N, C-alpha and C. Protein backbone atom coordinates (compact mmCIF):
# COMPACT_ATOMS: atom_id res chain seq x y z
N MET A 1 54.74 -57.53 200.23
CA MET A 1 53.69 -57.01 199.41
C MET A 1 54.11 -57.02 197.94
N ASN A 2 53.20 -57.43 197.10
CA ASN A 2 53.54 -57.50 195.67
C ASN A 2 53.26 -56.15 194.98
N ALA A 3 53.74 -56.06 193.72
CA ALA A 3 53.61 -54.81 192.96
C ALA A 3 52.15 -54.41 192.70
N ASP A 4 51.31 -55.38 192.39
CA ASP A 4 49.91 -55.08 192.13
C ASP A 4 49.20 -54.48 193.33
N SER A 5 49.43 -55.06 194.50
CA SER A 5 48.83 -54.56 195.74
C SER A 5 49.33 -53.13 196.03
N LEU A 6 50.61 -52.91 195.88
CA LEU A 6 51.15 -51.57 196.10
C LEU A 6 50.62 -50.58 195.10
N LYS A 7 50.45 -51.01 193.87
CA LYS A 7 49.88 -50.10 192.85
C LYS A 7 48.52 -49.63 193.25
N TYR A 8 47.66 -50.51 193.73
CA TYR A 8 46.33 -50.13 194.13
C TYR A 8 46.31 -49.24 195.35
N ILE A 9 47.23 -49.45 196.30
CA ILE A 9 47.35 -48.56 197.46
C ILE A 9 47.68 -47.15 196.99
N ILE A 10 48.65 -47.04 196.07
CA ILE A 10 49.08 -45.72 195.59
C ILE A 10 47.98 -45.04 194.78
N LEU A 11 47.36 -45.79 193.87
CA LEU A 11 46.28 -45.20 193.05
C LEU A 11 45.13 -44.74 193.93
N ASN A 12 44.77 -45.52 194.92
CA ASN A 12 43.70 -45.13 195.83
C ASN A 12 44.07 -43.85 196.57
N GLU A 13 45.29 -43.76 197.05
CA GLU A 13 45.70 -42.56 197.78
C GLU A 13 45.78 -41.35 196.85
N LEU A 14 46.21 -41.53 195.62
CA LEU A 14 46.19 -40.43 194.66
C LEU A 14 44.77 -39.88 194.45
N GLN A 15 43.81 -40.78 194.36
CA GLN A 15 42.42 -40.35 194.21
C GLN A 15 41.95 -39.64 195.49
N ASN A 16 42.26 -40.18 196.63
CA ASN A 16 41.88 -39.56 197.92
C ASN A 16 42.47 -38.14 198.06
N LEU A 17 43.67 -37.94 197.55
CA LEU A 17 44.35 -36.67 197.66
C LEU A 17 44.05 -35.73 196.51
N LYS A 18 43.10 -36.14 195.66
CA LYS A 18 42.63 -35.34 194.55
C LYS A 18 43.70 -35.12 193.45
N GLY A 19 44.51 -36.17 193.23
CA GLY A 19 45.38 -36.15 192.09
C GLY A 19 44.53 -36.19 190.80
N CYS A 20 44.98 -35.61 189.73
CA CYS A 20 44.20 -35.48 188.52
C CYS A 20 44.89 -36.19 187.35
N ASP A 21 44.10 -36.56 186.38
CA ASP A 21 44.65 -37.14 185.12
C ASP A 21 45.66 -38.26 185.40
N ILE A 22 45.23 -39.20 186.18
CA ILE A 22 46.14 -40.31 186.63
C ILE A 22 46.22 -41.38 185.52
N VAL A 23 47.43 -41.74 185.15
CA VAL A 23 47.64 -42.79 184.22
C VAL A 23 48.68 -43.77 184.82
N CYS A 24 48.53 -45.02 184.40
CA CYS A 24 49.40 -46.08 184.92
C CYS A 24 49.92 -46.93 183.78
N PHE A 25 51.22 -47.09 183.71
CA PHE A 25 51.85 -47.91 182.67
C PHE A 25 52.37 -49.20 183.32
N ASP A 26 52.05 -50.31 182.70
CA ASP A 26 52.61 -51.62 183.13
C ASP A 26 53.99 -51.68 182.50
N SER A 27 55.00 -51.54 183.29
CA SER A 27 56.37 -51.50 182.77
C SER A 27 57.19 -52.71 183.14
N LYS A 28 56.48 -53.84 183.39
CA LYS A 28 57.17 -55.08 183.71
C LYS A 28 57.80 -55.67 182.44
N CYS A 29 59.04 -55.32 182.19
CA CYS A 29 59.75 -55.88 181.06
C CYS A 29 61.22 -55.89 181.42
N GLU A 30 61.97 -56.61 180.63
CA GLU A 30 63.39 -56.74 180.89
C GLU A 30 64.04 -55.34 180.87
N GLY A 31 64.82 -55.05 181.88
CA GLY A 31 65.55 -53.80 181.94
C GLY A 31 64.79 -52.65 182.55
N SER A 32 63.52 -52.84 182.90
CA SER A 32 62.70 -51.75 183.49
C SER A 32 63.12 -51.55 184.96
N ILE A 33 63.06 -50.28 185.38
CA ILE A 33 63.42 -49.97 186.77
C ILE A 33 62.28 -50.19 187.76
N ALA A 34 61.06 -50.41 187.24
CA ALA A 34 59.93 -50.60 188.13
C ALA A 34 58.87 -51.42 187.41
N ASP A 35 57.94 -52.01 188.17
CA ASP A 35 56.87 -52.79 187.55
C ASP A 35 55.76 -51.87 186.99
N TYR A 36 55.58 -50.71 187.61
CA TYR A 36 54.57 -49.78 187.17
C TYR A 36 55.08 -48.37 187.22
N MET A 37 54.70 -47.58 186.24
CA MET A 37 54.98 -46.13 186.19
C MET A 37 53.65 -45.41 186.28
N ILE A 38 53.48 -44.57 187.29
CA ILE A 38 52.27 -43.83 187.49
C ILE A 38 52.56 -42.33 187.32
N ILE A 39 51.70 -41.66 186.56
CA ILE A 39 51.81 -40.19 186.37
C ILE A 39 50.52 -39.57 186.83
N ALA A 40 50.62 -38.43 187.54
CA ALA A 40 49.45 -37.71 187.97
C ALA A 40 49.72 -36.20 188.03
N ASN A 41 48.70 -35.43 187.81
CA ASN A 41 48.77 -33.99 187.97
C ASN A 41 48.33 -33.58 189.37
N THR A 42 48.83 -32.42 189.77
CA THR A 42 48.34 -31.76 190.97
C THR A 42 47.92 -30.36 190.58
N ARG A 43 47.22 -29.70 191.46
CA ARG A 43 46.65 -28.38 191.14
C ARG A 43 47.62 -27.24 191.29
N SER A 44 48.64 -27.40 192.14
CA SER A 44 49.56 -26.32 192.47
C SER A 44 50.84 -26.89 193.07
N GLN A 45 51.80 -26.04 193.31
CA GLN A 45 53.03 -26.50 193.93
C GLN A 45 52.75 -27.02 195.35
N ARG A 46 51.90 -26.32 196.10
CA ARG A 46 51.55 -26.71 197.43
C ARG A 46 50.86 -28.09 197.43
N HIS A 47 49.93 -28.27 196.51
CA HIS A 47 49.24 -29.53 196.36
C HIS A 47 50.22 -30.64 195.96
N LEU A 48 51.18 -30.33 195.10
CA LEU A 48 52.21 -31.28 194.69
C LEU A 48 52.96 -31.82 195.89
N ASP A 49 53.42 -30.92 196.75
CA ASP A 49 54.17 -31.31 197.95
C ASP A 49 53.30 -32.14 198.87
N SER A 50 52.05 -31.74 199.05
CA SER A 50 51.09 -32.49 199.91
C SER A 50 50.82 -33.87 199.40
N VAL A 51 50.60 -34.03 198.11
CA VAL A 51 50.34 -35.36 197.54
C VAL A 51 51.58 -36.22 197.67
N ALA A 52 52.75 -35.70 197.39
CA ALA A 52 53.98 -36.51 197.55
C ALA A 52 54.15 -36.99 198.98
N ASP A 53 53.87 -36.12 199.97
CA ASP A 53 53.98 -36.52 201.35
C ASP A 53 52.94 -37.62 201.70
N GLY A 54 51.72 -37.44 201.17
CA GLY A 54 50.70 -38.42 201.39
C GLY A 54 50.98 -39.79 200.85
N ILE A 55 51.59 -39.81 199.62
CA ILE A 55 51.97 -41.08 199.01
C ILE A 55 53.04 -41.77 199.85
N ALA A 56 54.06 -41.02 200.26
CA ALA A 56 55.14 -41.55 201.08
C ALA A 56 54.59 -42.13 202.39
N LYS A 57 53.65 -41.45 203.02
CA LYS A 57 53.10 -41.92 204.30
C LYS A 57 52.28 -43.18 204.13
N VAL A 58 51.46 -43.24 203.11
CA VAL A 58 50.61 -44.44 202.92
C VAL A 58 51.46 -45.65 202.53
N VAL A 59 52.48 -45.42 201.73
CA VAL A 59 53.35 -46.53 201.34
C VAL A 59 54.08 -47.11 202.55
N LYS A 60 54.53 -46.22 203.45
CA LYS A 60 55.19 -46.62 204.67
C LYS A 60 54.21 -47.36 205.61
N LYS A 61 53.02 -46.75 205.79
CA LYS A 61 52.03 -47.31 206.72
C LYS A 61 51.46 -48.64 206.23
N ASP A 62 51.01 -48.68 204.98
CA ASP A 62 50.29 -49.86 204.48
C ASP A 62 51.18 -50.94 203.92
N ALA A 63 52.35 -50.58 203.38
CA ALA A 63 53.22 -51.54 202.75
C ALA A 63 54.54 -51.72 203.47
N ASN A 64 54.78 -50.91 204.51
CA ASN A 64 56.05 -50.95 205.26
C ASN A 64 57.25 -50.78 204.31
N ILE A 65 57.12 -49.85 203.35
CA ILE A 65 58.18 -49.58 202.37
C ILE A 65 58.59 -48.11 202.53
N SER A 66 59.87 -47.90 202.71
CA SER A 66 60.36 -46.52 202.75
C SER A 66 60.61 -46.06 201.31
N SER A 67 59.88 -45.04 200.92
CA SER A 67 60.01 -44.55 199.52
C SER A 67 61.10 -43.45 199.53
N ARG A 68 61.61 -43.19 198.34
CA ARG A 68 62.57 -42.08 198.14
C ARG A 68 61.91 -41.06 197.23
N ARG A 69 62.22 -39.81 197.50
CA ARG A 69 61.59 -38.70 196.78
C ARG A 69 62.68 -37.81 196.22
N ASP A 70 62.46 -37.35 194.99
CA ASP A 70 63.37 -36.42 194.40
C ASP A 70 62.57 -35.33 193.67
N GLY A 71 63.13 -34.15 193.57
CA GLY A 71 62.45 -33.04 192.95
C GLY A 71 61.92 -32.07 194.01
N LEU A 72 61.49 -30.92 193.53
CA LEU A 72 61.00 -29.90 194.45
C LEU A 72 59.69 -29.33 193.94
N PRO A 73 58.75 -29.03 194.83
CA PRO A 73 57.48 -28.47 194.37
C PRO A 73 57.62 -27.21 193.52
N GLN A 74 58.61 -26.38 193.84
CA GLN A 74 58.76 -25.12 193.08
C GLN A 74 59.24 -25.39 191.66
N HIS A 75 59.71 -26.57 191.36
CA HIS A 75 60.07 -26.93 190.00
C HIS A 75 58.94 -27.66 189.28
N GLY A 76 57.85 -27.96 190.01
CA GLY A 76 56.66 -28.53 189.37
C GLY A 76 56.71 -30.02 189.13
N TRP A 77 57.68 -30.72 189.68
CA TRP A 77 57.81 -32.14 189.42
C TRP A 77 58.46 -32.83 190.63
N ILE A 78 57.80 -33.91 191.11
CA ILE A 78 58.37 -34.74 192.16
C ILE A 78 58.24 -36.17 191.69
N ILE A 79 59.31 -36.93 191.85
CA ILE A 79 59.27 -38.35 191.53
C ILE A 79 59.44 -39.14 192.82
N ILE A 80 58.64 -40.18 192.97
CA ILE A 80 58.70 -41.03 194.18
C ILE A 80 59.06 -42.43 193.73
N ASP A 81 60.12 -42.99 194.32
CA ASP A 81 60.50 -44.34 194.09
C ASP A 81 59.97 -45.16 195.25
N ALA A 82 58.94 -45.94 194.98
CA ALA A 82 58.31 -46.75 196.01
C ALA A 82 58.51 -48.21 195.69
N SER A 83 59.75 -48.61 195.62
CA SER A 83 60.13 -50.00 195.36
C SER A 83 59.71 -50.45 193.97
N TYR A 84 58.57 -51.12 193.84
CA TYR A 84 58.11 -51.63 192.56
C TYR A 84 57.45 -50.57 191.67
N ILE A 85 57.17 -49.40 192.26
CA ILE A 85 56.40 -48.37 191.55
C ILE A 85 57.16 -47.06 191.51
N MET A 86 57.14 -46.39 190.38
CA MET A 86 57.68 -45.04 190.22
C MET A 86 56.53 -44.11 189.98
N VAL A 87 56.38 -43.08 190.80
CA VAL A 87 55.28 -42.14 190.71
C VAL A 87 55.81 -40.77 190.32
N SER A 88 55.38 -40.22 189.20
CA SER A 88 55.76 -38.88 188.78
C SER A 88 54.59 -37.96 188.98
N LEU A 89 54.77 -36.95 189.83
CA LEU A 89 53.72 -35.99 190.13
C LEU A 89 54.14 -34.66 189.49
N PHE A 90 53.20 -34.00 188.85
CA PHE A 90 53.48 -32.79 188.15
C PHE A 90 52.43 -31.68 188.37
N THR A 91 52.83 -30.44 188.21
CA THR A 91 51.85 -29.41 187.95
C THR A 91 51.52 -29.54 186.47
N PRO A 92 50.33 -29.12 186.03
CA PRO A 92 49.92 -29.33 184.64
C PRO A 92 50.88 -28.76 183.58
N GLU A 93 51.41 -27.57 183.80
CA GLU A 93 52.29 -27.01 182.77
C GLU A 93 53.60 -27.77 182.64
N VAL A 94 54.10 -28.28 183.74
CA VAL A 94 55.35 -29.04 183.68
C VAL A 94 55.11 -30.39 183.05
N ARG A 95 53.98 -31.02 183.34
CA ARG A 95 53.65 -32.30 182.73
C ARG A 95 53.55 -32.15 181.22
N ASN A 96 52.94 -31.09 180.76
CA ASN A 96 52.85 -30.84 179.32
C ASN A 96 54.23 -30.68 178.70
N ARG A 97 55.11 -29.99 179.41
CA ARG A 97 56.43 -29.71 178.86
C ARG A 97 57.24 -31.03 178.68
N TYR A 98 57.19 -31.91 179.68
CA TYR A 98 58.01 -33.14 179.62
C TYR A 98 57.34 -34.26 178.86
N ASN A 99 56.03 -34.33 178.83
CA ASN A 99 55.26 -35.28 178.05
C ASN A 99 55.78 -36.73 178.18
N LEU A 100 55.88 -37.17 179.44
CA LEU A 100 56.34 -38.55 179.71
C LEU A 100 55.41 -39.59 179.14
N GLU A 101 54.12 -39.28 178.96
CA GLU A 101 53.18 -40.26 178.42
C GLU A 101 53.65 -40.76 177.04
N GLU A 102 54.12 -39.83 176.21
CA GLU A 102 54.58 -40.23 174.90
C GLU A 102 55.80 -41.16 174.97
N LEU A 103 56.75 -40.81 175.81
CA LEU A 103 57.95 -41.63 176.01
C LEU A 103 57.59 -43.01 176.54
N PHE A 104 56.74 -43.06 177.57
CA PHE A 104 56.33 -44.30 178.18
C PHE A 104 55.48 -45.13 177.22
N THR A 105 54.63 -44.50 176.41
CA THR A 105 53.80 -45.25 175.48
C THR A 105 54.66 -45.90 174.42
N GLN A 106 55.72 -45.27 173.97
CA GLN A 106 56.62 -45.87 173.01
C GLN A 106 57.31 -47.09 173.61
N ARG A 107 57.65 -46.99 174.87
CA ARG A 107 58.38 -48.08 175.51
C ARG A 107 57.48 -49.22 176.05
N TYR A 108 56.33 -48.83 176.68
CA TYR A 108 55.53 -49.81 177.38
C TYR A 108 54.13 -50.03 176.79
N GLY A 109 53.73 -49.34 175.78
CA GLY A 109 52.40 -49.48 175.23
C GLY A 109 51.45 -48.47 175.87
N GLU A 110 50.22 -48.56 175.47
CA GLU A 110 49.20 -47.62 175.93
C GLU A 110 48.99 -47.67 177.43
N PRO A 111 48.83 -46.54 178.05
CA PRO A 111 48.55 -46.52 179.53
C PRO A 111 47.12 -46.89 179.83
N ARG A 112 46.89 -47.20 181.07
CA ARG A 112 45.53 -47.37 181.56
C ARG A 112 45.20 -46.09 182.31
N TYR A 113 44.04 -45.57 182.05
CA TYR A 113 43.62 -44.35 182.76
C TYR A 113 42.84 -44.77 183.96
N GLU A 114 43.46 -44.56 185.11
CA GLU A 114 42.96 -45.06 186.40
C GLU A 114 42.02 -44.10 187.03
């Protein structure tokens, strides 16, 4: 499976799981760790954990890729490494604190709001 197909699987699942404020950065450049960086909000710590589990399941089922997960819902941030795609899931207050959009925009250009 290529990166574009995997991106659409993940974005579709984020929308199905009611992820909010989803943005996607095309990070295909020399030295990048992934082809796409996706950021999304969740409504709560419980929703954060549920969305992360859902993404991992759909990536395994539809793309046969075992993803890796780091972070804890009680800290408000989980990152999922799904081969070509890095997905950062946040509670809103933690997303505002880290402001990855600004960092990624400087590095990869303007995001697409999916």
